[in-house]
Amino acid sequence: MAEWFLFLPQVRLEIAEIVERARVAEASGFDGIAFIDHLESPGAAHQSIWEAMTVADWVAARTEKLRIGHLVLCSAFRHPAVLAKQAVTLSAASGGRFDLGLGSGSWPAEFTRFDIEGADDVGSRVRRLERDLELIRQYWGDSDVAQQPRPPHRIPLVLGGTGKKTMALVRRYADWWNIPAPEIGKLAQLRPDAGAARVSIQQMVGFVGAGADRDSVIEVSNRRFGHLGDGLVCGDAAELGNHFAGLAAQGVERFYVWFADFAQPETLSEFADTVMREDAT
């Protein structure tokens, strides 16, 4: 049976709305929730966006069972010693419900705007990520630079991306390899390169719920997120159930579901009662 996470970018939402969606997701049977990590909203710098670790802390404090994570934290935004300490603290505070999702950065415009090194050099960003992964492992371990307290719970590591250098890091460090929505088509090709890492997928969904106007849902979903290509799938519960079953048959063990209607609470409940419940049976 697959794990189901709500992928909820903390953009254009008030903090109270984020908490509401998290609680509905938890009550409906989602296994976890994941946020994004940007200093500006990608492609829409005028939109408000909340800081990633603070949002995760706040939601963890207001839920009881949901795993908390990100797709993914940018290694360039935090010194690895600080991030390692934040991860251990959140894991302890949440009773072991934190997954550390980490990546090299996907939005060069914010590197330039906020004067962060590596705006135009993908290679240097990936090398920084590799360095940070190794240091975090040392901070959590038995090295001379080990931090106190040690992690009281195991903190799973989620790495996202499909580049050759990223896949090498996945094989070396990751518990989970996540495929971003625009790159879902690379699953079959790259799965062998992930080694022992378990596979998750970020999937945008245009959910045609009971009584919804199908044409309207599909039109709005494509207008908002058609640029994701195969990363967007539209359909009713039966169609989406078949879609996710097909991905599970290819070895995907976790779905980060991203809703085209910005995860309206009623959508979360109905999706869980239909698509997710069918998977559970």
Protein backbone atom coordinates (compact mmCIF):
# COMPACT_ATOMS: atom_id res chain seq x y z
CA MET A 1 0.00 0.00 0.00
CA ALA A 2 1.39 3.39 -0.99
CA GLU A 3 1.96 6.33 1.32
CA TRP A 4 -0.04 9.48 0.58
CA PHE A 5 1.34 12.93 1.30
CA LEU A 6 -0.32 16.28 0.67
CA PHE A 7 2.08 18.54 -1.21
CA LEU A 8 1.09 22.06 -0.13
CA PRO A 9 3.21 24.99 -1.31
CA GLN A 10 2.82 27.68 1.34
CA VAL A 11 1.99 30.32 -1.28
CA ARG A 12 -1.11 32.53 -1.33
CA LEU A 13 -2.35 30.90 1.86
CA GLU A 14 -2.68 32.31 5.34
CA ILE A 15 -1.06 30.34 8.15
CA ALA A 16 -4.50 29.38 9.49
CA GLU A 17 -5.46 27.99 6.07
CA ILE A 18 -2.31 25.86 5.97
CA VAL A 19 -3.08 24.44 9.40
CA GLU A 20 -6.69 23.78 8.41
CA ARG A 21 -5.61 21.81 5.35
CA ALA A 22 -3.06 19.87 7.37
CA ARG A 23 -5.66 18.90 9.95
CA VAL A 24 -8.17 17.88 7.30
CA ALA A 25 -5.49 15.82 5.57
CA GLU A 26 -4.61 14.12 8.85
CA ALA A 27 -8.25 13.39 9.71
CA SER A 28 -8.85 12.06 6.19
CA GLY A 29 -6.01 9.55 6.32
CA PHE A 30 -3.07 11.22 4.57
CA ASP A 31 0.26 9.99 5.88
CA GLY A 32 2.14 13.26 5.62
CA ILE A 33 2.45 16.78 4.31
CA ALA A 34 5.28 18.54 2.48
CA PHE A 35 6.05 22.19 1.80
CA ILE A 36 8.38 24.04 -0.59
CA ASP A 37 11.48 26.09 0.21
CA HIS A 38 11.87 29.36 -1.68
CA LEU A 39 12.62 32.95 -0.81
CA GLU A 40 10.17 34.10 -3.47
CA SER A 41 7.27 32.31 -5.07
CA PRO A 42 8.67 30.71 -8.27
CA GLY A 43 7.39 32.59 -11.30
CA ALA A 44 5.25 34.87 -9.14
CA ALA A 45 7.53 36.94 -6.93
CA HIS A 46 4.61 39.24 -6.06
CA GLN A 47 2.84 36.40 -4.23
CA SER A 48 3.41 35.87 -0.53
CA ILE A 49 5.32 32.78 0.60
CA TRP A 50 6.09 31.63 4.15
CA GLU A 51 9.46 30.35 5.38
CA ALA A 52 9.70 26.58 5.04
CA MET A 53 11.07 25.34 8.37
CA THR A 54 8.91 27.68 10.43
CA VAL A 55 5.77 26.47 8.66
CA ALA A 56 6.83 22.86 9.21
CA ASP A 57 7.38 23.55 12.93
CA TRP A 58 3.97 25.22 13.26
CA VAL A 59 2.11 22.42 11.48
CA ALA A 60 3.94 19.71 13.42
CA ALA A 61 2.82 21.36 16.65
CA ARG A 62 -0.80 21.35 15.50
CA THR A 63 -1.02 17.78 14.20
CA GLU A 64 -0.49 14.41 15.85
CA LYS A 65 0.20 11.81 13.17
CA LEU A 66 1.21 13.50 9.92
CA ARG A 67 4.81 13.16 8.82
CA ILE A 68 6.25 16.58 8.03
CA GLY A 69 8.70 17.39 5.26
CA HIS A 70 9.63 19.41 2.20
CA LEU A 71 10.10 18.99 -1.54
CA VAL A 72 12.76 20.11 -0.96
CA LEU A 73 14.81 22.38 1.30
CA CYS A 74 17.53 24.25 -0.59
CA SER A 75 20.98 23.46 0.78
CA ALA A 76 22.23 26.95 -0.12
CA PHE A 77 19.78 28.70 2.22
CA ARG A 78 21.10 27.28 5.52
CA HIS A 79 24.49 26.35 6.88
CA PRO A 80 24.51 22.53 7.25
CA ALA A 81 25.28 22.79 10.99
CA VAL A 82 22.16 24.92 11.44
CA LEU A 83 20.02 22.65 9.28
CA ALA A 84 21.23 19.54 11.07
CA LYS A 85 20.29 21.13 14.39
CA GLN A 86 16.88 22.25 13.09
CA ALA A 87 16.13 18.76 11.78
CA VAL A 88 17.00 17.07 15.06
CA THR A 89 14.93 19.60 17.01
CA LEU A 90 11.86 19.20 14.82
CA SER A 91 12.19 15.43 14.81
CA ALA A 92 12.34 15.37 18.60
CA ALA A 93 9.49 17.85 19.03
CA SER A 94 7.22 15.93 16.65
CA GLY A 95 7.93 12.49 18.04
CA GLY A 96 9.95 11.40 15.03
CA ARG A 97 7.60 12.69 12.34
CA PHE A 98 10.13 14.72 10.33
CA ASP A 99 11.66 13.76 6.97
CA LEU A 100 14.58 15.87 5.74
CA GLY A 101 14.05 16.69 2.09
CA LEU A 102 17.06 18.38 0.53
CA GLY A 103 18.10 19.65 -2.90
CA SER A 104 20.55 21.97 -4.61
CA GLY A 105 18.08 24.70 -5.65
CA SER A 106 15.79 24.92 -8.65
CA TRP A 107 15.06 28.64 -9.03
CA PRO A 108 18.21 30.62 -10.00
CA ALA A 109 16.29 33.92 -10.05
CA GLU A 110 16.08 33.97 -6.27
CA PHE A 111 19.80 33.23 -5.97
CA THR A 112 20.43 36.36 -8.03
CA ARG A 113 17.85 38.54 -6.31
CA PHE A 114 19.05 37.70 -2.81
CA ASP A 115 22.77 37.53 -3.65
CA ILE A 116 23.20 33.81 -2.94
CA GLU A 117 26.24 32.16 -4.50
CA GLY A 118 25.55 29.72 -7.33
CA ALA A 119 22.88 31.45 -9.40
CA ASP A 120 24.30 30.38 -12.74
CA ASP A 121 26.38 27.37 -11.75
CA VAL A 122 24.41 24.15 -11.34
CA GLY A 123 27.63 22.24 -10.75
CA SER A 124 28.62 24.33 -7.75
CA ARG A 125 25.14 24.00 -6.26
CA VAL A 126 25.28 20.21 -6.52
CA ARG A 127 28.77 20.15 -5.01
CA ARG A 128 27.47 22.24 -2.12
CA LEU A 129 24.64 19.75 -1.67
CA GLU A 130 27.09 16.86 -1.58
CA ARG A 131 29.23 18.66 1.00
CA ASP A 132 26.21 19.43 3.14
CA LEU A 133 24.95 15.85 3.04
CA GLU A 134 28.31 14.57 4.21
CA LEU A 135 28.53 17.17 6.98
CA ILE A 136 25.00 16.52 8.20
CA ARG A 137 25.81 12.85 8.45
CA GLN A 138 28.86 13.76 10.56
CA TYR A 139 26.85 16.13 12.77
CA TRP A 140 24.35 13.34 13.46
CA GLY A 141 26.97 10.65 13.94
CA ASP A 142 30.00 9.82 16.04
CA SER A 143 32.51 12.18 14.45
CA ASP A 144 34.58 14.85 16.16
CA VAL A 145 32.01 17.45 15.05
CA ALA A 146 28.96 15.51 16.22
CA GLN A 147 26.26 17.74 17.68
CA GLN A 148 24.35 17.28 20.89
CA PRO A 149 21.74 16.08 21.34
CA ARG A 150 21.99 13.22 18.89
CA PRO A 151 18.90 12.51 16.81
CA PRO A 152 16.44 10.72 19.12
CA HIS A 153 14.65 9.31 16.06
CA ARG A 154 15.92 8.24 12.67
CA ILE A 155 15.46 11.11 10.20
CA PRO A 156 14.77 9.79 6.68
CA LEU A 157 16.49 11.69 3.89
CA VAL A 158 14.54 12.62 0.76
CA LEU A 159 16.49 13.80 -2.28
CA GLY A 160 14.69 15.21 -5.30
CA GLY A 161 15.80 15.54 -8.90
CA THR A 162 16.85 13.56 -11.93
CA GLY A 163 20.27 14.91 -12.96
CA LYS A 164 23.20 12.52 -13.27
CA LYS A 165 25.09 14.05 -10.33
CA THR A 166 21.94 14.17 -8.22
CA MET A 167 21.26 10.50 -8.90
CA ALA A 168 24.76 9.66 -7.65
CA LEU A 169 23.89 11.42 -4.38
CA VAL A 170 20.59 9.54 -4.24
CA ARG A 171 22.43 6.22 -4.43
CA ARG A 172 24.87 7.29 -1.72
CA TYR A 173 22.66 9.07 0.79
CA ALA A 174 18.91 8.88 0.17
CA ASP A 175 16.19 6.87 1.85
CA TRP A 176 13.74 8.28 -0.70
CA TRP A 177 14.23 9.52 -4.24
CA ASN A 178 11.53 11.95 -5.34
CA ILE A 179 10.74 12.65 -8.99
CA PRO A 180 9.43 16.20 -9.55
CA ALA A 181 6.12 16.49 -11.38
CA PRO A 182 7.54 17.76 -14.71
CA GLU A 183 9.88 14.76 -14.90
CA ILE A 184 7.54 11.86 -14.14
CA GLY A 185 8.19 10.48 -17.62
CA LYS A 186 11.75 9.62 -16.57
CA LEU A 187 10.64 7.08 -13.95
CA ALA A 188 11.29 3.90 -15.92
CA GLN A 189 14.57 5.17 -17.33
CA LEU A 190 16.07 6.37 -14.04
CA ARG A 191 14.66 3.92 -11.49
CA PRO A 192 17.72 1.62 -11.74
CA ASP A 193 19.99 4.62 -11.03
CA ALA A 194 18.35 5.23 -7.64
CA GLY A 195 19.93 2.19 -6.03
CA ALA A 196 18.28 1.15 -2.79
CA ALA A 197 16.34 4.41 -2.35
CA ARG A 198 12.58 4.08 -2.27
CA VAL A 199 10.67 5.97 -4.95
CA SER A 200 8.22 8.83 -4.50
CA ILE A 201 6.55 11.02 -7.07
CA GLN A 202 5.20 14.55 -6.99
CA GLN A 203 1.90 14.53 -8.91
CA MET A 204 -0.37 17.45 -9.72
CA VAL A 205 -4.03 16.39 -9.73
CA GLY A 206 -7.12 17.98 -11.23
CA PHE A 207 -9.70 16.02 -9.22
CA VAL A 208 -13.18 15.77 -10.70
CA GLY A 209 -15.18 15.20 -7.57
CA ALA A 210 -18.79 14.08 -7.30
CA GLY A 211 -21.08 16.69 -8.82
CA ALA A 212 -18.20 18.75 -10.26
CA ASP A 213 -18.26 20.03 -13.83
CA ARG A 214 -15.65 17.87 -15.53
CA ASP A 215 -14.86 20.28 -18.35
CA SER A 216 -14.45 23.18 -15.94
CA VAL A 217 -12.10 21.25 -13.63
CA ILE A 218 -9.93 20.15 -16.55
CA GLU A 219 -9.88 23.62 -18.11
CA VAL A 220 -8.86 25.33 -14.88
CA SER A 221 -6.28 22.66 -14.06
CA ASN A 222 -4.65 22.95 -17.47
CA ARG A 223 -4.72 26.73 -17.40
CA ARG A 224 -2.96 26.79 -14.04
CA PHE A 225 -0.62 23.82 -14.37
CA GLY A 226 -0.64 22.56 -17.94
CA HIS A 227 3.03 23.50 -18.17
CA LEU A 228 3.79 20.45 -16.00
CA GLY A 229 3.01 18.12 -18.88
CA ASP A 230 2.66 14.54 -17.64
CA GLY A 231 3.07 15.94 -14.13
CA LEU A 232 -0.61 16.95 -14.29
CA VAL A 233 -3.31 14.30 -14.39
CA CYS A 234 -7.04 15.04 -14.41
CA GLY A 235 -9.91 12.70 -13.77
CA ASP A 236 -12.55 11.34 -11.44
CA ALA A 237 -11.85 8.94 -8.60
CA ALA A 238 -11.84 5.83 -10.79
CA GLU A 239 -9.52 7.37 -13.36
CA LEU A 240 -7.12 8.68 -10.76
CA GLY A 241 -7.20 5.39 -8.93
CA ASN A 242 -6.10 3.61 -12.09
CA HIS A 243 -3.39 6.20 -12.68
CA PHE A 244 -1.85 5.82 -9.23
CA ALA A 245 -2.19 2.05 -9.35
CA GLY A 246 -0.14 2.09 -12.55
CA LEU A 247 2.59 4.12 -10.86
CA ALA A 248 2.58 1.80 -7.85
CA ALA A 249 3.04 -1.13 -10.22
CA GLN A 250 6.25 0.58 -11.39
CA GLY A 251 7.61 0.64 -7.86
CA VAL A 252 6.41 4.04 -6.59
CA GLU A 253 5.80 3.78 -2.84
CA ARG A 254 4.84 7.34 -1.95
CA PHE A 255 2.70 9.94 -3.70
CA TYR A 256 3.05 13.66 -2.97
CA VAL A 257 -0.34 14.82 -4.26
CA TRP A 258 -0.52 18.45 -5.37
CA PHE A 259 -4.06 19.70 -6.03
CA ALA A 260 -4.88 22.11 -8.83
CA ASP A 261 -7.59 23.76 -6.71
CA PHE A 262 -4.99 24.60 -4.02
CA ALA A 263 -6.13 21.70 -1.81
CA GLN A 264 -9.59 22.84 -0.82
CA PRO A 265 -10.56 20.95 2.36
CA GLU A 266 -13.55 19.28 0.72
CA THR A 267 -11.31 18.07 -2.11
CA LEU A 268 -8.89 16.50 0.35
CA SER A 269 -11.68 14.68 2.15
CA GLU A 270 -13.30 13.32 -1.00
CA PHE A 271 -9.97 12.31 -2.57
CA ALA A 272 -9.10 10.39 0.58
CA ASP A 273 -12.51 8.75 0.77
CA THR A 274 -12.36 7.56 -2.83
CA VAL A 275 -8.91 7.34 -4.43
CA MET A 276 -6.90 6.63 -1.29
CA ARG A 277 -9.46 4.29 0.22
CA GLU A 278 -9.48 2.23 -2.98
CA ASP A 279 -5.69 1.87 -2.69
CA ALA A 280 -6.04 0.74 0.92
CA THR A 281 -8.39 -2.06 -0.06
